[in-house]
Amino acid sequence: MFYKSCYQSPLGEIVLVSKENQLIGAWMEGQKYYLGKLKGEIQEKDNQEILIKAKSWLNRYFKRRKT
């Protein structure tokens, strides 16, 4: 089972995917290899620990962005 959560970045939506509490990918909507070759069910789950940590990291990254 894969879990996904969406993150709204200044560049557009980023889809984060995890499996067994490990982040396995991050894709931009419409990207050439969107979701790669994931096989299996993908369930929306915003409260998984690794996805929360990834969003937190992305928040810190984009706040330090130079304009």
N, C-alpha and C. Protein backbone atom coordinates (compact mmCIF):
# COMPACT_ATOMS: atom_id res chain seq x y z
N MET A 1 0.84 -1.18 0.00
CA MET A 1 0.00 0.00 0.00
C MET A 1 0.89 1.24 0.00
N PHE A 2 0.56 2.17 -0.86
CA PHE A 2 1.26 3.45 -0.94
C PHE A 2 0.33 4.52 -0.36
N TYR A 3 0.94 5.53 0.23
CA TYR A 3 0.18 6.65 0.77
C TYR A 3 0.66 7.93 0.11
N LYS A 4 -0.27 8.83 -0.19
CA LYS A 4 0.13 10.09 -0.82
C LYS A 4 -0.50 11.26 -0.10
N SER A 5 0.17 12.40 -0.28
CA SER A 5 -0.32 13.65 0.25
C SER A 5 0.15 14.75 -0.69
N CYS A 6 -0.63 15.78 -0.83
CA CYS A 6 -0.28 16.87 -1.74
C CYS A 6 0.24 18.07 -0.95
N TYR A 7 1.24 18.73 -1.52
CA TYR A 7 1.84 19.91 -0.92
C TYR A 7 1.76 21.05 -1.93
N GLN A 8 1.21 22.18 -1.49
CA GLN A 8 1.10 23.34 -2.37
C GLN A 8 2.36 24.18 -2.21
N SER A 9 3.23 24.14 -3.21
CA SER A 9 4.48 24.89 -3.19
C SER A 9 4.34 26.14 -4.07
N PRO A 10 5.30 27.05 -3.98
CA PRO A 10 5.29 28.22 -4.86
C PRO A 10 5.44 27.84 -6.34
N LEU A 11 5.92 26.63 -6.60
CA LEU A 11 6.11 26.15 -7.97
C LEU A 11 4.91 25.38 -8.49
N GLY A 12 3.96 25.08 -7.62
CA GLY A 12 2.80 24.28 -7.99
C GLY A 12 2.65 23.11 -7.03
N GLU A 13 1.69 22.26 -7.31
CA GLU A 13 1.41 21.14 -6.42
C GLU A 13 2.49 20.06 -6.54
N ILE A 14 2.95 19.59 -5.38
CA ILE A 14 3.91 18.49 -5.31
C ILE A 14 3.19 17.32 -4.63
N VAL A 15 3.23 16.16 -5.26
CA VAL A 15 2.62 14.96 -4.70
C VAL A 15 3.73 14.15 -4.04
N LEU A 16 3.55 13.88 -2.74
CA LEU A 16 4.50 13.10 -1.96
C LEU A 16 3.92 11.71 -1.76
N VAL A 17 4.76 10.67 -1.94
CA VAL A 17 4.29 9.30 -1.79
C VAL A 17 5.22 8.55 -0.85
N SER A 18 4.61 7.75 0.03
CA SER A 18 5.38 6.95 0.98
C SER A 18 4.92 5.50 0.95
N LYS A 19 5.78 4.65 1.47
CA LYS A 19 5.46 3.24 1.66
C LYS A 19 6.19 2.79 2.91
N GLU A 20 5.46 2.17 3.83
CA GLU A 20 6.04 1.68 5.08
C GLU A 20 6.82 2.78 5.81
N ASN A 21 6.25 3.95 5.90
CA ASN A 21 6.83 5.11 6.58
C ASN A 21 8.17 5.55 6.00
N GLN A 22 8.36 5.33 4.71
CA GLN A 22 9.54 5.84 4.00
C GLN A 22 9.06 6.66 2.81
N LEU A 23 9.62 7.84 2.65
CA LEU A 23 9.29 8.66 1.50
C LEU A 23 9.92 8.03 0.27
N ILE A 24 9.11 7.73 -0.73
CA ILE A 24 9.66 7.07 -1.92
C ILE A 24 9.61 7.94 -3.17
N GLY A 25 8.94 9.10 -3.08
CA GLY A 25 8.92 9.96 -4.25
C GLY A 25 8.22 11.27 -4.02
N ALA A 26 8.57 12.22 -4.88
CA ALA A 26 7.93 13.53 -4.90
C ALA A 26 7.83 13.94 -6.36
N TRP A 27 6.63 14.24 -6.81
CA TRP A 27 6.41 14.57 -8.20
C TRP A 27 5.60 15.85 -8.33
N MET A 28 5.86 16.56 -9.41
CA MET A 28 5.05 17.72 -9.78
C MET A 28 3.92 17.22 -10.68
N GLU A 29 2.75 17.77 -10.51
CA GLU A 29 1.61 17.41 -11.35
C GLU A 29 1.98 17.62 -12.82
N GLY A 30 1.73 16.63 -13.64
CA GLY A 30 2.01 16.72 -15.07
C GLY A 30 3.44 16.39 -15.45
N GLN A 31 4.25 16.02 -14.49
CA GLN A 31 5.65 15.65 -14.76
C GLN A 31 5.68 14.43 -15.67
N LYS A 32 6.73 14.31 -16.48
CA LYS A 32 6.83 13.24 -17.45
C LYS A 32 6.67 11.86 -16.81
N TYR A 33 7.35 11.61 -15.72
CA TYR A 33 7.27 10.31 -15.06
C TYR A 33 6.44 10.38 -13.79
N TYR A 34 5.31 11.06 -13.87
CA TYR A 34 4.42 11.28 -12.72
C TYR A 34 4.08 9.95 -12.05
N LEU A 35 4.38 9.84 -10.77
CA LEU A 35 4.18 8.66 -9.94
C LEU A 35 5.01 7.46 -10.38
N GLY A 36 5.95 7.67 -11.28
CA GLY A 36 6.87 6.61 -11.67
C GLY A 36 6.16 5.34 -12.08
N LYS A 37 6.68 4.23 -11.65
CA LYS A 37 6.09 2.94 -11.99
C LYS A 37 5.47 2.28 -10.76
N LEU A 38 4.79 3.07 -9.95
CA LEU A 38 4.17 2.54 -8.75
C LEU A 38 3.10 1.52 -9.13
N LYS A 39 3.17 0.37 -8.50
CA LYS A 39 2.16 -0.67 -8.72
C LYS A 39 1.51 -0.96 -7.39
N GLY A 40 0.24 -0.85 -7.36
CA GLY A 40 -0.50 -1.08 -6.13
C GLY A 40 -1.42 0.08 -5.83
N GLU A 41 -2.20 -0.08 -4.80
CA GLU A 41 -3.18 0.93 -4.41
C GLU A 41 -2.49 2.13 -3.78
N ILE A 42 -2.94 3.32 -4.14
CA ILE A 42 -2.43 4.56 -3.56
C ILE A 42 -3.58 5.22 -2.81
N GLN A 43 -3.39 5.40 -1.53
CA GLN A 43 -4.43 5.98 -0.68
C GLN A 43 -4.00 7.36 -0.19
N GLU A 44 -4.92 8.31 -0.23
CA GLU A 44 -4.67 9.65 0.30
C GLU A 44 -4.57 9.55 1.83
N LYS A 45 -3.46 10.06 2.39
CA LYS A 45 -3.28 9.99 3.84
C LYS A 45 -2.39 11.14 4.28
N ASP A 46 -3.01 12.20 4.76
CA ASP A 46 -2.27 13.40 5.14
C ASP A 46 -1.61 13.30 6.51
N ASN A 47 -1.99 12.33 7.32
CA ASN A 47 -1.47 12.29 8.69
C ASN A 47 -0.36 11.26 8.90
N GLN A 48 0.23 10.75 7.85
CA GLN A 48 1.33 9.80 8.03
C GLN A 48 2.60 10.57 8.40
N GLU A 49 3.32 10.06 9.38
CA GLU A 49 4.46 10.78 9.97
C GLU A 49 5.49 11.23 8.93
N ILE A 50 5.89 10.36 8.04
CA ILE A 50 6.94 10.73 7.07
C ILE A 50 6.45 11.80 6.10
N LEU A 51 5.18 11.79 5.75
CA LEU A 51 4.64 12.81 4.85
C LEU A 51 4.55 14.16 5.56
N ILE A 52 4.22 14.15 6.85
CA ILE A 52 4.20 15.38 7.65
C ILE A 52 5.61 15.96 7.73
N LYS A 53 6.60 15.10 7.95
CA LYS A 53 7.99 15.55 8.03
C LYS A 53 8.46 16.12 6.69
N ALA A 54 8.08 15.49 5.60
CA ALA A 54 8.47 15.98 4.27
C ALA A 54 7.87 17.35 4.00
N LYS A 55 6.61 17.54 4.37
CA LYS A 55 5.97 18.84 4.18
C LYS A 55 6.64 19.91 5.04
N SER A 56 7.01 19.54 6.24
CA SER A 56 7.71 20.48 7.12
C SER A 56 9.04 20.90 6.51
N TRP A 57 9.77 19.94 5.97
CA TRP A 57 11.05 20.24 5.32
C TRP A 57 10.83 21.17 4.12
N LEU A 58 9.80 20.87 3.31
CA LEU A 58 9.52 21.71 2.15
C LEU A 58 9.13 23.13 2.59
N ASN A 59 8.38 23.26 3.66
CA ASN A 59 8.04 24.59 4.18
C ASN A 59 9.29 25.38 4.52
N ARG A 60 10.22 24.74 5.23
CA ARG A 60 11.48 25.42 5.60
C ARG A 60 12.29 25.76 4.34
N TYR A 61 12.33 24.86 3.38
CA TYR A 61 13.08 25.09 2.15
C TYR A 61 12.53 26.31 1.40
N PHE A 62 11.24 26.35 1.20
CA PHE A 62 10.67 27.44 0.41
C PHE A 62 10.67 28.78 1.16
N LYS A 63 10.67 28.77 2.47
CA LYS A 63 10.76 30.03 3.22
C LYS A 63 12.12 30.67 3.07
N ARG A 64 13.15 29.88 2.86
CA ARG A 64 14.52 30.41 2.67
C ARG A 64 14.81 30.78 1.22
N ARG A 65 13.86 30.57 0.35
CA ARG A 65 14.02 30.83 -1.07
C ARG A 65 14.33 32.30 -1.32
N LYS A 66 15.33 32.56 -2.15
CA LYS A 66 15.65 33.94 -2.50
C LYS A 66 14.80 34.37 -3.69
N THR A 67 14.32 35.60 -3.66
CA THR A 67 13.48 36.08 -4.74
C THR A 67 14.27 36.89 -5.74
